[in-house]
PDB file of N, CA and C in Angstrom:
ATOM      1  N   MET A   1       1.184  -1.248  -0.005  1.00  0.00           N
ATOM      2  CA  MET A   1       0.276   0.008  -0.034  1.00  0.00           C
ATOM      3  C   MET A   1       0.831   1.416   0.032  1.00  0.00           C
ATOM      4  N   ASN A   2       0.445   2.128  -0.958  1.00  0.00           N
ATOM      5  CA  ASN A   2       1.150   3.675  -0.917  1.00  0.00           C
ATOM      6  C   ASN A   2       1.158   4.317   0.345  1.00  0.00           C
ATOM      7  N   PRO A   3       1.887   4.727   0.889  1.00  0.00           N
ATOM      8  CA  PRO A   3       1.910   5.511   2.196  1.00  0.00           C
ATOM      9  C   PRO A   3       0.487   6.805   1.968  1.00  0.00           C
ATOM     10  N   THR A   4       0.766   7.372   0.820  1.00  0.00           N
ATOM     11  CA  THR A   4      -0.231   8.359   0.614  1.00  0.00           C
ATOM     12  C   THR A   4      -1.643   7.842   0.825  1.00  0.00           C
ATOM     13  N   ASN A   5      -1.655   6.676   0.533  1.00  0.00           N
ATOM     14  CA  ASN A   5      -3.356   6.385   0.371  1.00  0.00           C
ATOM     15  C   ASN A   5      -3.688   6.242   1.967  1.00  0.00           C
ATOM     16  N   LEU A   6      -2.878   6.594   2.584  1.00  0.00           N
ATOM     17  CA  LEU A   6      -3.595   5.871   4.254  1.00  0.00           C
ATOM     18  C   LEU A   6      -4.237   7.199   4.731  1.00  0.00           C
ATOM     19  N   PRO A   7      -5.275   6.517   5.615  1.00  0.00           N
ATOM     20  CA  PRO A   7      -6.163   7.867   6.294  1.00  0.00           C
ATOM     21  C   PRO A   7      -5.221   8.902   7.015  1.00  0.00           C
ATOM     22  N   ALA A   8      -5.529   9.940   7.047  1.00  0.00           N
ATOM     23  CA  ALA A   8      -5.061  10.822   7.543  1.00  0.00           C
ATOM     24  C   ALA A   8      -5.171  10.970   8.883  1.00  0.00           C
ATOM     25  N   ASN A   9      -6.431  10.421   9.583  1.00  0.00           N
ATOM     26  CA  ASN A   9      -6.329  10.633  11.180  1.00  0.00           C
ATOM     27  C   ASN A   9      -5.340   9.569  11.570  1.00  0.00           C
ATOM     28  N   ASP A  10      -4.475  10.428  12.579  1.00  0.00           N
ATOM     29  CA  ASP A  10      -3.527   9.530  13.072  1.00  0.00           C
ATOM     30  C   ASP A  10      -4.453   9.151  14.581  1.00  0.00           C
ATOM     31  N   ALA A  11      -5.216   9.805  15.336  1.00  0.00           N
ATOM     32  CA  ALA A  11      -5.718   9.387  16.512  1.00  0.00           C
ATOM     33  C   ALA A  11      -6.570   8.303  16.432  1.00  0.00           C
ATOM     34  N   GLN A  12      -7.213   8.130  15.224  1.00  0.00           N
ATOM     35  CA  GLN A  12      -7.927   6.951  14.606  1.00  0.00           C
ATOM     36  C   GLN A  12      -7.286   5.795  14.573  1.00  0.00           C
ATOM     37  N   LEU A  13      -6.214   5.504  13.962  1.00  0.00           N
ATOM     38  CA  LEU A  13      -5.206   4.682  14.355  1.00  0.00           C
ATOM     39  C   LEU A  13      -4.462   4.183  15.219  1.00  0.00           C
ATOM     40  N   ILE A  14      -4.249   5.417  16.165  1.00  0.00           N
ATOM     41  CA  ILE A  14      -3.796   4.884  17.540  1.00  0.00           C
ATOM     42  C   ILE A  14      -4.783   4.305  18.434  1.00  0.00           C
ATOM     43  N   SER A  15      -6.139   4.943  18.335  1.00  0.00           N
ATOM     44  CA  SER A  15      -6.780   4.097  19.085  1.00  0.00           C
ATOM     45  C   SER A  15      -7.411   2.846  18.750  1.00  0.00           C
ATOM     46  N   LEU A  16      -7.234   2.471  17.264  1.00  0.00           N
ATOM     47  CA  LEU A  16      -7.617   1.148  17.137  1.00  0.00           C
ATOM     48  C   LEU A  16      -6.225   0.044  17.720  1.00  0.00           C
ATOM     49  N   LEU A  17      -5.081   0.609  17.202  1.00  0.00           N
ATOM     50  CA  LEU A  17      -3.987  -0.432  18.189  1.00  0.00           C
ATOM     51  C   LEU A  17      -4.170  -0.244  19.473  1.00  0.00           C
ATOM     52  N   GLU A  18      -4.760   0.657  20.273  1.00  0.00           N
ATOM     53  CA  GLU A  18      -4.740   0.476  21.865  1.00  0.00           C
ATOM     54  C   GLU A  18      -5.905  -0.568  21.956  1.00  0.00           C
ATOM     55  N   ARG A  19      -7.098  -0.409  21.153  1.00  0.00           N
ATOM     56  CA  ARG A  19      -7.970  -1.247  21.601  1.00  0.00           C
ATOM     57  C   ARG A  19      -7.511  -2.690  20.893  1.00  0.00           C
ATOM     58  N   ILE A  20      -6.796  -2.856  20.179  1.00  0.00           N
ATOM     59  CA  ILE A  20      -6.237  -4.461  19.790  1.00  0.00           C
ATOM     60  C   ILE A  20      -5.393  -4.944  21.078  1.00  0.00           C
ATOM     61  N   GLU A  21      -4.446  -3.966  21.198  1.00  0.00           N
ATOM     62  CA  GLU A  21      -3.465  -4.563  22.292  1.00  0.00           C
ATOM     63  C   GLU A  21      -4.625  -4.761  23.565  1.00  0.00           C
ATOM     64  N   THR A  22      -5.547  -4.024  23.906  1.00  0.00           N
ATOM     65  CA  THR A  22      -6.312  -4.461  25.066  1.00  0.00           C
ATOM     66  C   THR A  22      -6.608  -5.626  24.941  1.00  0.00           C
ATOM     67  N   VAL A  23      -7.532  -6.032  23.618  1.00  0.00           N
ATOM     68  CA  VAL A  23      -7.976  -7.211  23.440  1.00  0.00           C
ATOM     69  C   VAL A  23      -6.928  -8.655  23.574  1.00  0.00           C
ATOM     70  N   GLU A  24      -5.926  -8.026  22.984  1.00  0.00           N
ATOM     71  CA  GLU A  24      -4.784  -9.157  23.072  1.00  0.00           C
ATOM     72  C   GLU A  24      -4.341  -9.639  24.670  1.00  0.00           C
ATOM     73  N   GLY A  25      -4.018  -8.562  25.416  1.00  0.00           N
ATOM     74  CA  GLY A  25      -3.983  -8.347  26.570  1.00  0.00           C
ATOM     75  C   GLY A  25      -5.137  -9.193  27.294  1.00  0.00           C
ATOM     76  N   GLN A  26      -6.203  -8.946  27.232  1.00  0.00           N
ATOM     77  CA  GLN A  26      -7.523  -9.913  27.459  1.00  0.00           C
ATOM     78  C   GLN A  26      -7.589 -11.047  27.278  1.00  0.00           C
ATOM     79  N   GLU A  27      -6.858 -11.416  25.805  1.00  0.00           N
ATOM     80  CA  GLU A  27      -6.987 -12.769  25.465  1.00  0.00           C
ATOM     81  C   GLU A  27      -6.180 -13.574  26.234  1.00  0.00           C
ATOM     82  N   ALA A  28      -4.995 -12.850  26.830  1.00  0.00           N
ATOM     83  CA  ALA A  28      -3.662 -13.647  27.396  1.00  0.00           C
ATOM     84  C   ALA A  28      -4.274 -14.087  28.763  1.00  0.00           C
ATOM     85  N   ASP A  29      -5.088 -12.772  29.462  1.00  0.00           N
ATOM     86  CA  ASP A  29      -5.693 -13.380  31.029  1.00  0.00           C
ATOM     87  C   ASP A  29      -6.672 -14.270  30.651  1.00  0.00           C
ATOM     88  N   LEU A  30      -7.329 -14.596  29.790  1.00  0.00           N
ATOM     89  CA  LEU A  30      -8.397 -15.368  29.667  1.00  0.00           C
ATOM     90  C   LEU A  30      -7.773 -17.013  29.457  1.00  0.00           C
ATOM     91  N   ARG A  31      -6.687 -17.353  28.670  1.00  0.00           N
ATOM     92  CA  ARG A  31      -5.658 -18.222  28.613  1.00  0.00           C
ATOM     93  C   ARG A  31      -5.174 -18.847  29.497  1.00  0.00           C
ATOM     94  N   ALA A  32      -5.000 -17.622  30.809  1.00  0.00           N
ATOM     95  CA  ALA A  32      -4.038 -18.017  32.140  1.00  0.00           C
ATOM     96  C   ALA A  32      -5.178 -18.495  33.125  1.00  0.00           C
ATOM     97  N   ASP A  33      -6.153 -17.854  33.009  1.00  0.00           N
ATOM     98  CA  ASP A  33      -7.663 -18.531  33.715  1.00  0.00           C
ATOM     99  C   ASP A  33      -8.069 -19.708  33.350  1.00  0.00           C
ATOM    100  N   LYS A  34      -7.704 -20.155  32.235  1.00  0.00           N
ATOM    101  CA  LYS A  34      -8.541 -21.544  31.439  1.00  0.00           C
ATOM    102  C   LYS A  34      -7.369 -22.655  31.897  1.00  0.00           C
ATOM    103  N   LYS A  35      -6.119 -21.959  31.706  1.00  0.00           N
ATOM    104  CA  LYS A  35      -5.232 -23.083  32.410  1.00  0.00           C
ATOM    105  C   LYS A  35      -5.269 -23.271  33.787  1.00  0.00           C
ATOM    106  N   THR A  36      -5.587 -22.535  34.373  1.00  0.00           N
ATOM    107  CA  THR A  36      -5.745 -22.643  36.166  1.00  0.00           C
ATOM    108  C   THR A  36      -6.766 -23.574  36.476  1.00  0.00           C
ATOM    109  N   ILE A  37      -7.985 -23.330  35.573  1.00  0.00           N
ATOM    110  CA  ILE A  37      -8.978 -24.264  35.847  1.00  0.00           C
ATOM    111  C   ILE A  37      -8.826 -25.493  35.311  1.00  0.00           C
ATOM    112  N   TYR A  38      -8.012 -25.706  34.119  1.00  0.00           N
ATOM    113  CA  TYR A  38      -7.319 -27.048  34.140  1.00  0.00           C
ATOM    114  C   TYR A  38      -6.585 -27.828  35.146  1.00  0.00           C
ATOM    115  N   ASP A  39      -5.917 -27.008  35.769  1.00  0.00           N
ATOM    116  CA  ASP A  39      -4.800 -27.374  36.436  1.00  0.00           C
ATOM    117  C   ASP A  39      -5.569 -27.863  37.751  1.00  0.00           C
ATOM    118  N   GLU A  40      -6.555 -27.271  38.107  1.00  0.00           N
ATOM    119  CA  GLU A  40      -7.596 -27.254  39.278  1.00  0.00           C
ATOM    120  C   GLU A  40      -8.188 -28.917  39.102  1.00  0.00           C
ATOM    121  N   ALA A  41      -8.812 -28.689  37.941  1.00  0.00           N
ATOM    122  CA  ALA A  41      -9.674 -30.247  37.289  1.00  0.00           C
ATOM    123  C   ALA A  41      -8.362 -30.837  37.730  1.00  0.00           C
ATOM    124  N   LYS A  42      -7.236 -31.122  36.996  1.00  0.00           N
ATOM    125  CA  LYS A  42      -6.408 -32.264  37.288  1.00  0.00           C
ATOM    126  C   LYS A  42      -5.805 -32.382  38.671  1.00  0.00           C
ATOM    127  N   SER A  43      -5.834 -31.160  39.696  1.00  0.00           N
ATOM    128  CA  SER A  43      -5.352 -31.467  41.156  1.00  0.00           C
ATOM    129  C   SER A  43      -6.468 -32.137  41.691  1.00  0.00           C
ATOM    130  N   VAL A  44      -7.638 -32.102  41.331  1.00  0.00           N
ATOM    131  CA  VAL A  44      -8.358 -32.806  41.993  1.00  0.00           C
ATOM    132  C   VAL A  44      -8.775 -34.018  41.742  1.00  0.00           C
ATOM    133  N   GLY A  45      -7.921 -34.881  40.501  1.00  0.00           N
ATOM    134  CA  GLY A  45      -8.195 -36.153  39.709  1.00  0.00           C
ATOM    135  C   GLY A  45      -8.667 -36.130  38.350  1.00  0.00           C
ATOM    136  N   TYR A  46      -9.517 -35.144  37.988  1.00  0.00           N
ATOM    137  CA  TYR A  46      -9.933 -35.434  36.523  1.00  0.00           C
ATOM    138  C   TYR A  46      -8.999 -35.732  35.794  1.00  0.00           C
ATOM    139  N   ASP A  47      -9.449 -36.216  34.735  1.00  0.00           N
ATOM    140  CA  ASP A  47      -8.641 -36.046  33.083  1.00  0.00           C
ATOM    141  C   ASP A  47      -8.757 -35.142  32.263  1.00  0.00           C
ATOM    142  N   THR A  48      -7.925 -34.044  31.862  1.00  0.00           N
ATOM    143  CA  THR A  48      -8.217 -33.140  31.255  1.00  0.00           C
ATOM    144  C   THR A  48      -8.431 -33.136  29.880  1.00  0.00           C
ATOM    145  N   LYS A  49      -7.966 -34.508  29.160  1.00  0.00           N
ATOM    146  CA  LYS A  49      -8.179 -34.684  27.802  1.00  0.00           C
ATOM    147  C   LYS A  49      -9.670 -34.779  27.711  1.00  0.00           C
ATOM    148  N   MET A  50     -10.215 -35.648  28.632  1.00  0.00           N
ATOM    149  CA  MET A  50     -11.457 -36.014  28.852  1.00  0.00           C
ATOM    150  C   MET A  50     -12.375 -34.514  28.982  1.00  0.00           C
ATOM    151  N   ILE A  51     -11.973 -33.754  29.982  1.00  0.00           N
ATOM    152  CA  ILE A  51     -12.974 -32.497  29.639  1.00  0.00           C
ATOM    153  C   ILE A  51     -12.729 -31.524  28.615  1.00  0.00           C
ATOM    154  N   ARG A  52     -11.544 -31.767  27.936  1.00  0.00           N
ATOM    155  CA  ARG A  52     -11.421 -30.948  26.875  1.00  0.00           C
ATOM    156  C   ARG A  52     -12.778 -31.508  25.645  1.00  0.00           C
ATOM    157  N   TRP A  53     -12.686 -32.565  25.814  1.00  0.00           N
ATOM    158  CA  TRP A  53     -13.299 -33.548  24.828  1.00  0.00           C
ATOM    159  C   TRP A  53     -14.859 -33.464  25.285  1.00  0.00           C
ATOM    160  N   LEU A  54     -15.029 -33.693  26.411  1.00  0.00           N
ATOM    161  CA  LEU A  54     -16.406 -33.248  26.721  1.00  0.00           C
ATOM    162  C   LEU A  54     -16.918 -31.224  26.637  1.00  0.00           C
ATOM    163  N   ILE A  55     -16.006 -30.651  26.377  1.00  0.00           N
ATOM    164  CA  ILE A  55     -16.318 -29.015  25.955  1.00  0.00           C
ATOM    165  C   ILE A  55     -16.625 -29.031  24.647  1.00  0.00           C
ATOM    166  N   ARG A  56     -15.864 -29.797  23.855  1.00  0.00           N
ATOM    167  CA  ARG A  56     -15.800 -29.951  22.318  1.00  0.00           C
ATOM    168  C   ARG A  56     -17.064 -30.603  22.416  1.00  0.00           C
ATOM    169  N   MET A  57     -17.592 -31.729  22.574  1.00  0.00           N
ATOM    170  CA  MET A  57     -18.978 -32.320  22.491  1.00  0.00           C
ATOM    171  C   MET A  57     -20.155 -31.482  22.747  1.00  0.00           C
ATOM    172  N   ARG A  58     -20.167 -30.799  24.075  1.00  0.00           N
ATOM    173  CA  ARG A  58     -21.156 -29.818  24.345  1.00  0.00           C
ATOM    174  C   ARG A  58     -21.430 -28.434  23.653  1.00  0.00           C
ATOM    175  N   LYS A  59     -20.644 -28.292  22.569  1.00  0.00           N
ATOM    176  CA  LYS A  59     -20.351 -27.155  21.883  1.00  0.00           C
ATOM    177  C   LYS A  59     -21.579 -27.554  20.658  1.00  0.00           C
ATOM    178  N   MET A  60     -21.076 -28.956  20.017  1.00  0.00           N
ATOM    179  CA  MET A  60     -21.937 -29.549  19.027  1.00  0.00           C
ATOM    180  C   MET A  60     -23.607 -29.648  19.052  1.00  0.00           C
ATOM    181  N   ASP A  61     -24.346 -29.987  18.260  1.00  0.00           N
ATOM    182  CA  ASP A  61     -25.614 -29.940  18.481  1.00  0.00           C
ATOM    183  C   ASP A  61     -26.159 -31.540  18.505  1.00  0.00           C
ATOM    184  N   LYS A  62     -27.258 -32.005  18.900  1.00  0.00           N
ATOM    185  CA  LYS A  62     -27.151 -33.531  19.142  1.00  0.00           C
ATOM    186  C   LYS A  62     -27.064 -34.445  17.883  1.00  0.00           C
ATOM    187  N   ASP A  63     -27.175 -33.465  16.692  1.00  0.00           N
ATOM    188  CA  ASP A  63     -27.104 -34.616  15.134  1.00  0.00           C
ATOM    189  C   ASP A  63     -25.665 -34.246  15.257  1.00  0.00           C
ATOM    190  N   GLU A  64     -24.872 -33.556  15.571  1.00  0.00           N
ATOM    191  CA  GLU A  64     -23.306 -33.921  15.168  1.00  0.00           C
ATOM    192  C   GLU A  64     -22.667 -34.805  16.115  1.00  0.00           C
ATOM    193  N   GLN A  65     -23.508 -34.473  17.595  1.00  0.00           N
ATOM    194  CA  GLN A  65     -22.734 -35.755  18.615  1.00  0.00           C
ATOM    195  C   GLN A  65     -23.502 -37.170  17.920  1.00  0.00           C
ATOM    196  N   ALA A  66     -24.382 -37.113  17.587  1.00  0.00           N
ATOM    197  CA  ALA A  66     -24.988 -38.637  17.218  1.00  0.00           C
ATOM    198  C   ALA A  66     -23.566 -39.021  15.957  1.00  0.00           C
ATOM    199  N   GLU A  67     -23.716 -37.998  14.806  1.00  0.00           N
ATOM    200  CA  GLU A  67     -22.658 -38.355  14.182  1.00  0.00           C
ATOM    201  C   GLU A  67     -21.284 -38.840  14.210  1.00  0.00           C
ATOM    202  N   LEU A  68     -20.729 -38.221  15.170  1.00  0.00           N
ATOM    203  CA  LEU A  68     -19.481 -38.368  15.877  1.00  0.00           C
ATOM    204  C   LEU A  68     -19.255 -39.570  16.289  1.00  0.00           C
ATOM    205  N   SER A  69     -20.605 -39.991  17.218  1.00  0.00           N
ATOM    206  CA  SER A  69     -20.684 -41.298  17.910  1.00  0.00           C
ATOM    207  C   SER A  69     -20.284 -42.659  16.918  1.00  0.00           C
ATOM    208  N   GLU A  70     -21.002 -42.500  15.996  1.00  0.00           N
ATOM    209  CA  GLU A  70     -21.356 -43.288  14.767  1.00  0.00           C
ATOM    210  C   GLU A  70     -20.010 -43.689  14.322  1.00  0.00           C
ATOM    211  N   LEU A  71     -19.181 -42.571  13.837  1.00  0.00           N
ATOM    212  CA  LEU A  71     -18.309 -42.803  13.238  1.00  0.00           C
ATOM    213  C   LEU A  71     -16.865 -42.826  14.371  1.00  0.00           C
ATOM    214  N   GLN A  72     -16.887 -42.857  15.243  1.00  0.00           N
ATOM    215  CA  GLN A  72     -16.139 -43.612  16.474  1.00  0.00           C
ATOM    216  C   GLN A  72     -16.369 -45.266  16.629  1.00  0.00           C
ATOM    217  N   LYS A  73     -17.804 -44.983  16.540  1.00  0.00           N
ATOM    218  CA  LYS A  73     -17.948 -46.820  16.567  1.00  0.00           C
ATOM    219  C   LYS A  73     -17.204 -47.525  15.414  1.00  0.00           C
ATOM    220  N   MET A  74     -17.716 -46.831  13.999  1.00  0.00           N
ATOM    221  CA  MET A  74     -16.916 -47.779  13.006  1.00  0.00           C
ATOM    222  C   MET A  74     -15.869 -47.753  12.821  1.00  0.00           C
ATOM    223  N   TYR A  75     -15.274 -46.403  12.924  1.00  0.00           N
ATOM    224  CA  TYR A  75     -13.658 -46.648  12.810  1.00  0.00           C
ATOM    225  C   TYR A  75     -12.839 -47.641  14.428  1.00  0.00           C
ATOM    226  N   SER A  76     -13.420 -47.721  15.203  1.00  0.00           N
ATOM    227  CA  SER A  76     -12.979 -48.464  16.424  1.00  0.00           C
ATOM    228  C   SER A  76     -12.808 -50.062  16.092  1.00  0.00           C
ATOM    229  N   LYS A  77     -14.467 -50.023  15.565  1.00  0.00           N
ATOM    230  CA  LYS A  77     -14.547 -51.664  14.827  1.00  0.00           C
ATOM    231  C   LYS A  77     -13.595 -51.791  13.868  1.00  0.00           C
ATOM    232  N   ALA A  78     -13.316 -50.889  12.803  1.00  0.00           N
ATOM    233  CA  ALA A  78     -12.309 -51.641  11.794  1.00  0.00           C
ATOM    234  C   ALA A  78     -10.995 -51.586  12.295  1.00  0.00           C
ATOM    235  N   ALA A  79     -10.716 -50.613  13.414  1.00  0.00           N
ATOM    236  CA  ALA A  79      -9.328 -50.882  14.117  1.00  0.00           C
ATOM    237  C   ALA A  79      -9.145 -52.244  15.108  1.00  0.00           C
ATOM    238  N   GLY A  80     -10.434 -52.908  15.136  1.00  0.00           N
ATOM    239  CA  GLY A  80     -10.400 -54.314  15.704  1.00  0.00           C
ATOM    240  C   GLY A  80     -10.271 -53.880  17.434  1.00  0.00           C
ATOM    241  N   LEU A  81     -10.888 -52.755  18.134  1.00  0.00           N
ATOM    242  CA  LEU A  81     -11.155 -52.649  19.364  1.00  0.00           C
ATOM    243  C   LEU A  81     -12.705 -52.835  19.628  1.00  0.00           C
TER     244      LEU A  81
END
């Protein structure tokens, strides 16, 4: 992009940059909070892989869950499990 095509409003650019930086900081805080929760779950004996799987499943609708379950059965059978 040619610098002459940039909008002339420096204040707006600074505002946008600051807002993005704020959100990035919030994302980092949320990742740290999420890690703390998983650590807590692990410390009381829960399997964090299963918790992650359950969270993925809870995001799916019932049809998606049923389809995934059927695929799991098919693949397990094919693998001799």
